[in-house]
């Protein structure tokens, strides 16, 4: 959930977010995120960041 928040509220790279959230690599975050949300972190950011207001 924290990775999702960071994707929408920051411009941090996926690799930085993966490391910050405790994943061993960006690939591991991408694999887990895709299994959870059915899209990659980059696709998620592109699709939903315009709706995020904080």
PDB file of N, CA and C in Angstrom:
ATOM      1  N   UNK A   1       0.827  -1.191   0.000  1.00  0.00           N
ATOM      2  CA  UNK A   1       0.000   0.000   0.000  1.00  0.00           C
ATOM      3  C   UNK A   1       0.873   1.258   0.000  1.00  0.00           C
ATOM      4  N   UNK A   2       1.993   1.196   0.696  1.00  0.00           N
ATOM      5  CA  UNK A   2       2.863   2.370   0.736  1.00  0.00           C
ATOM      6  C   UNK A   2       3.478   2.624  -0.639  1.00  0.00           C
ATOM      7  N   UNK A   3       3.817   1.568  -1.353  1.00  0.00           N
ATOM      8  CA  UNK A   3       4.359   1.728  -2.702  1.00  0.00           C
ATOM      9  C   UNK A   3       3.329   2.400  -3.603  1.00  0.00           C
ATOM     10  N   UNK A   4       2.075   2.008  -3.480  1.00  0.00           N
ATOM     11  CA  UNK A   4       1.010   2.613  -4.274  1.00  0.00           C
ATOM     12  C   UNK A   4       0.904   4.106  -3.983  1.00  0.00           C
ATOM     13  N   UNK A   5       0.959   4.462  -2.702  1.00  0.00           N
ATOM     14  CA  UNK A   5       0.898   5.864  -2.298  1.00  0.00           C
ATOM     15  C   UNK A   5       2.072   6.650  -2.887  1.00  0.00           C
ATOM     16  N   UNK A   6       3.279   6.101  -2.783  1.00  0.00           N
ATOM     17  CA  UNK A   6       4.457   6.795  -3.306  1.00  0.00           C
ATOM     18  C   UNK A   6       4.402   6.943  -4.819  1.00  0.00           C
ATOM     19  N   UNK A   7       3.868   5.956  -5.505  1.00  0.00           N
ATOM     20  CA  UNK A   7       3.738   6.058  -6.959  1.00  0.00           C
ATOM     21  C   UNK A   7       2.851   7.233  -7.351  1.00  0.00           C
ATOM     22  N   UNK A   8       1.793   7.436  -6.591  1.00  0.00           N
ATOM     23  CA  UNK A   8       0.839   8.475  -6.934  1.00  0.00           C
ATOM     24  C   UNK A   8       1.230   9.857  -6.412  1.00  0.00           C
ATOM     25  N   UNK A   9       1.953   9.926  -5.322  1.00  0.00           N
ATOM     26  CA  UNK A   9       2.211  11.212  -4.691  1.00  0.00           C
ATOM     27  C   UNK A   9       3.611  11.772  -4.917  1.00  0.00           C
ATOM     28  N   UNK A  10       4.497  10.994  -5.547  1.00  0.00           N
ATOM     29  CA  UNK A  10       5.869  11.456  -5.772  1.00  0.00           C
ATOM     30  C   UNK A  10       6.286  11.158  -7.213  1.00  0.00           C
ATOM     31  N   UNK A  11       7.442  11.668  -7.559  1.00  0.00           N
ATOM     32  CA  UNK A  11       8.041  11.353  -8.857  1.00  0.00           C
ATOM     33  C   UNK A  11       9.234  10.420  -8.696  1.00  0.00           C
ATOM     34  N   UNK A  12       9.333   9.762  -7.546  1.00  0.00           N
ATOM     35  CA  UNK A  12      10.434   8.832  -7.300  1.00  0.00           C
ATOM     36  C   UNK A  12      10.400   7.710  -8.338  1.00  0.00           C
ATOM     37  N   UNK A  13      11.570   7.192  -8.652  1.00  0.00           N
ATOM     38  CA  UNK A  13      11.648   6.076  -9.590  1.00  0.00           C
ATOM     39  C   UNK A  13      11.067   4.815  -8.959  1.00  0.00           C
ATOM     40  N   UNK A  14      10.676   3.889  -9.799  1.00  0.00           N
ATOM     41  CA  UNK A  14      10.152   2.611  -9.316  1.00  0.00           C
ATOM     42  C   UNK A  14      11.238   1.880  -8.525  1.00  0.00           C
ATOM     43  N   UNK A  15      12.472   1.974  -8.969  1.00  0.00           N
ATOM     44  CA  UNK A  15      13.577   1.330  -8.258  1.00  0.00           C
ATOM     45  C   UNK A  15      13.746   1.921  -6.852  1.00  0.00           C
ATOM     46  N   UNK A  16      13.643   3.240  -6.725  1.00  0.00           N
ATOM     47  CA  UNK A  16      13.756   3.882  -5.413  1.00  0.00           C
ATOM     48  C   UNK A  16      12.608   3.449  -4.502  1.00  0.00           C
ATOM     49  N   UNK A  17      11.394   3.444  -5.038  1.00  0.00           N
ATOM     50  CA  UNK A  17      10.221   3.044  -4.256  1.00  0.00           C
ATOM     51  C   UNK A  17      10.355   1.594  -3.806  1.00  0.00           C
ATOM     52  N   UNK A  18      10.818   0.734  -4.693  1.00  0.00           N
ATOM     53  CA  UNK A  18      11.008  -0.680  -4.339  1.00  0.00           C
ATOM     54  C   UNK A  18      11.973  -0.803  -3.167  1.00  0.00           C
ATOM     55  N   UNK A  19      13.097  -0.123  -3.251  1.00  0.00           N
ATOM     56  CA  UNK A  19      14.095  -0.173  -2.189  1.00  0.00           C
ATOM     57  C   UNK A  19      13.538   0.406  -0.897  1.00  0.00           C
ATOM     58  N   UNK A  20      12.869   1.537  -0.980  1.00  0.00           N
ATOM     59  CA  UNK A  20      12.311   2.215   0.191  1.00  0.00           C
ATOM     60  C   UNK A  20      11.271   1.347   0.910  1.00  0.00           C
ATOM     61  N   UNK A  21      10.503   0.589   0.136  1.00  0.00           N
ATOM     62  CA  UNK A  21       9.430  -0.236   0.709  1.00  0.00           C
ATOM     63  C   UNK A  21       9.897  -1.634   1.102  1.00  0.00           C
ATOM     64  N   UNK A  22      11.181  -1.915   0.929  1.00  0.00           N
ATOM     65  CA  UNK A  22      11.724  -3.175   1.416  1.00  0.00           C
ATOM     66  C   UNK A  22      11.782  -4.302   0.400  1.00  0.00           C
ATOM     67  N   UNK A  23      11.525  -4.007  -0.854  1.00  0.00           N
ATOM     68  CA  UNK A  23      11.647  -5.034  -1.887  1.00  0.00           C
ATOM     69  C   UNK A  23      13.111  -5.164  -2.277  1.00  0.00           C
ATOM     70  N   UNK A  24      13.511  -6.347  -2.696  1.00  0.00           N
ATOM     71  CA  UNK A  24      14.916  -6.570  -3.029  1.00  0.00           C
ATOM     72  C   UNK A  24      15.320  -5.921  -4.349  1.00  0.00           C
ATOM     73  N   UNK A  25      14.350  -5.656  -5.220  1.00  0.00           N
ATOM     74  CA  UNK A  25      14.646  -4.996  -6.491  1.00  0.00           C
ATOM     75  C   UNK A  25      13.357  -4.448  -7.100  1.00  0.00           C
ATOM     76  N   UNK A  26      13.514  -3.633  -8.136  1.00  0.00           N
ATOM     77  CA  UNK A  26      12.350  -3.098  -8.840  1.00  0.00           C
ATOM     78  C   UNK A  26      11.577  -4.231  -9.521  1.00  0.00           C
ATOM     79  N   UNK A  27      12.277  -5.243  -9.983  1.00  0.00           N
ATOM     80  CA  UNK A  27      11.617  -6.386 -10.628  1.00  0.00           C
ATOM     81  C   UNK A  27      10.671  -7.100  -9.662  1.00  0.00           C
ATOM     82  N   UNK A  28      11.103  -7.262  -8.425  1.00  0.00           N
ATOM     83  CA  UNK A  28      10.271  -7.935  -7.425  1.00  0.00           C
ATOM     84  C   UNK A  28       9.028  -7.094  -7.139  1.00  0.00           C
ATOM     85  N   UNK A  29       9.208  -5.786  -7.006  1.00  0.00           N
ATOM     86  CA  UNK A  29       8.054  -4.904  -6.806  1.00  0.00           C
ATOM     87  C   UNK A  29       7.114  -4.996  -7.998  1.00  0.00           C
ATOM     88  N   UNK A  30       7.645  -4.932  -9.206  1.00  0.00           N
ATOM     89  CA  UNK A  30       6.814  -5.002 -10.418  1.00  0.00           C
ATOM     90  C   UNK A  30       6.022  -6.304 -10.477  1.00  0.00           C
ATOM     91  N   UNK A  31       6.663  -7.409 -10.175  1.00  0.00           N
ATOM     92  CA  UNK A  31       5.986  -8.709 -10.216  1.00  0.00           C
ATOM     93  C   UNK A  31       4.849  -8.770  -9.193  1.00  0.00           C
ATOM     94  N   UNK A  32       5.127  -8.335  -7.968  1.00  0.00           N
ATOM     95  CA  UNK A  32       4.102  -8.350  -6.921  1.00  0.00           C
ATOM     96  C   UNK A  32       2.993  -7.344  -7.202  1.00  0.00           C
ATOM     97  N   UNK A  33       3.360  -6.183  -7.680  1.00  0.00           N
ATOM     98  CA  UNK A  33       2.378  -5.147  -7.966  1.00  0.00           C
ATOM     99  C   UNK A  33       1.460  -5.591  -9.100  1.00  0.00           C
ATOM    100  N   UNK A  34       2.040  -6.219 -10.121  1.00  0.00           N
ATOM    101  CA  UNK A  34       1.237  -6.686 -11.250  1.00  0.00           C
ATOM    102  C   UNK A  34       0.276  -7.790 -10.824  1.00  0.00           C
ATOM    103  N   UNK A  35       0.696  -8.652  -9.923  1.00  0.00           N
ATOM    104  CA  UNK A  35      -0.186  -9.704  -9.421  1.00  0.00           C
ATOM    105  C   UNK A  35      -1.330  -9.104  -8.611  1.00  0.00           C
ATOM    106  N   UNK A  36      -1.058  -7.986  -7.927  1.00  0.00           N
ATOM    107  CA  UNK A  36      -2.052  -7.347  -7.071  1.00  0.00           C
ATOM    108  C   UNK A  36      -2.998  -6.446  -7.845  1.00  0.00           C
ATOM    109  N   UNK A  37      -2.451  -5.593  -8.714  1.00  0.00           N
ATOM    110  CA  UNK A  37      -3.251  -4.580  -9.410  1.00  0.00           C
ATOM    111  C   UNK A  37      -3.474  -4.866 -10.900  1.00  0.00           C
ATOM    112  N   UNK A  38      -2.896  -5.944 -11.410  1.00  0.00           N
ATOM    113  CA  UNK A  38      -3.042  -6.324 -12.817  1.00  0.00           C
ATOM    114  C   UNK A  38      -2.436  -5.303 -13.778  1.00  0.00           C
ATOM    115  N   UNK A  39      -1.479  -4.519 -13.287  1.00  0.00           N
ATOM    116  CA  UNK A  39      -0.719  -3.599 -14.132  1.00  0.00           C
ATOM    117  C   UNK A  39       0.609  -3.298 -13.450  1.00  0.00           C
ATOM    118  N   UNK A  40       1.561  -2.832 -14.227  1.00  0.00           N
ATOM    119  CA  UNK A  40       2.870  -2.523 -13.652  1.00  0.00           C
ATOM    120  C   UNK A  40       2.782  -1.225 -12.856  1.00  0.00           C
ATOM    121  N   UNK A  41       3.764  -0.977 -11.986  1.00  0.00           N
ATOM    122  CA  UNK A  41       3.761   0.282 -11.242  1.00  0.00           C
ATOM    123  C   UNK A  41       3.751   1.510 -12.156  1.00  0.00           C
ATOM    124  N   UNK A  42       4.495   1.461 -13.244  1.00  0.00           N
ATOM    125  CA  UNK A  42       4.525   2.593 -14.172  1.00  0.00           C
ATOM    126  C   UNK A  42       3.165   2.812 -14.837  1.00  0.00           C
ATOM    127  N   UNK A  43       2.516   1.741 -15.227  1.00  0.00           N
ATOM    128  CA  UNK A  43       1.181   1.852 -15.815  1.00  0.00           C
ATOM    129  C   UNK A  43       0.193   2.411 -14.797  1.00  0.00           C
ATOM    130  N   UNK A  44       0.305   1.961 -13.558  1.00  0.00           N
ATOM    131  CA  UNK A  44      -0.572   2.429 -12.485  1.00  0.00           C
ATOM    132  C   UNK A  44      -0.385   3.927 -12.267  1.00  0.00           C
ATOM    133  N   UNK A  45       0.866   4.355 -12.202  1.00  0.00           N
ATOM    134  CA  UNK A  45       1.164   5.781 -12.001  1.00  0.00           C
ATOM    135  C   UNK A  45       0.580   6.612 -13.136  1.00  0.00           C
ATOM    136  N   UNK A  46       0.797   6.171 -14.344  1.00  0.00           N
ATOM    137  CA  UNK A  46       0.298   6.915 -15.503  1.00  0.00           C
ATOM    138  C   UNK A  46      -1.231   6.991 -15.505  1.00  0.00           C
ATOM    139  N   UNK A  47      -1.873   5.901 -15.130  1.00  0.00           N
ATOM    140  CA  UNK A  47      -3.336   5.837 -15.179  1.00  0.00           C
ATOM    141  C   UNK A  47      -3.999   6.625 -14.052  1.00  0.00           C
ATOM    142  N   UNK A  48      -3.418   6.653 -12.858  1.00  0.00           N
ATOM    143  CA  UNK A  48      -4.133   7.177 -11.687  1.00  0.00           C
ATOM    144  C   UNK A  48      -3.547   8.413 -11.022  1.00  0.00           C
ATOM    145  N   UNK A  49      -2.351   8.827 -11.365  1.00  0.00           N
ATOM    146  CA  UNK A  49      -1.755   9.972 -10.666  1.00  0.00           C
ATOM    147  C   UNK A  49      -2.543  11.253 -10.912  1.00  0.00           C
ATOM    148  N   UNK A  50      -3.211  11.368 -12.045  1.00  0.00           N
ATOM    149  CA  UNK A  50      -3.970  12.594 -12.323  1.00  0.00           C
ATOM    150  C   UNK A  50      -5.201  12.710 -11.420  1.00  0.00           C
ATOM    151  N   UNK A  51      -5.645  11.610 -10.825  1.00  0.00           N
ATOM    152  CA  UNK A  51      -6.797  11.630  -9.928  1.00  0.00           C
ATOM    153  C   UNK A  51      -6.419  11.772  -8.465  1.00  0.00           C
ATOM    154  N   UNK A  52      -5.119  11.694  -8.180  1.00  0.00           N
ATOM    155  CA  UNK A  52      -4.662  11.725  -6.799  1.00  0.00           C
ATOM    156  C   UNK A  52      -4.482  13.172  -6.350  1.00  0.00           C
ATOM    157  N   UNK A  53      -5.196  13.553  -5.333  1.00  0.00           N
ATOM    158  CA  UNK A  53      -5.097  14.911  -4.791  1.00  0.00           C
ATOM    159  C   UNK A  53      -4.620  14.845  -3.353  1.00  0.00           C
ATOM    160  N   UNK A  54      -3.435  15.374  -3.122  1.00  0.00           N
ATOM    161  CA  UNK A  54      -2.947  15.423  -1.745  1.00  0.00           C
ATOM    162  C   UNK A  54      -2.063  16.615  -1.574  1.00  0.00           C
TER     163      UNK A  54
END
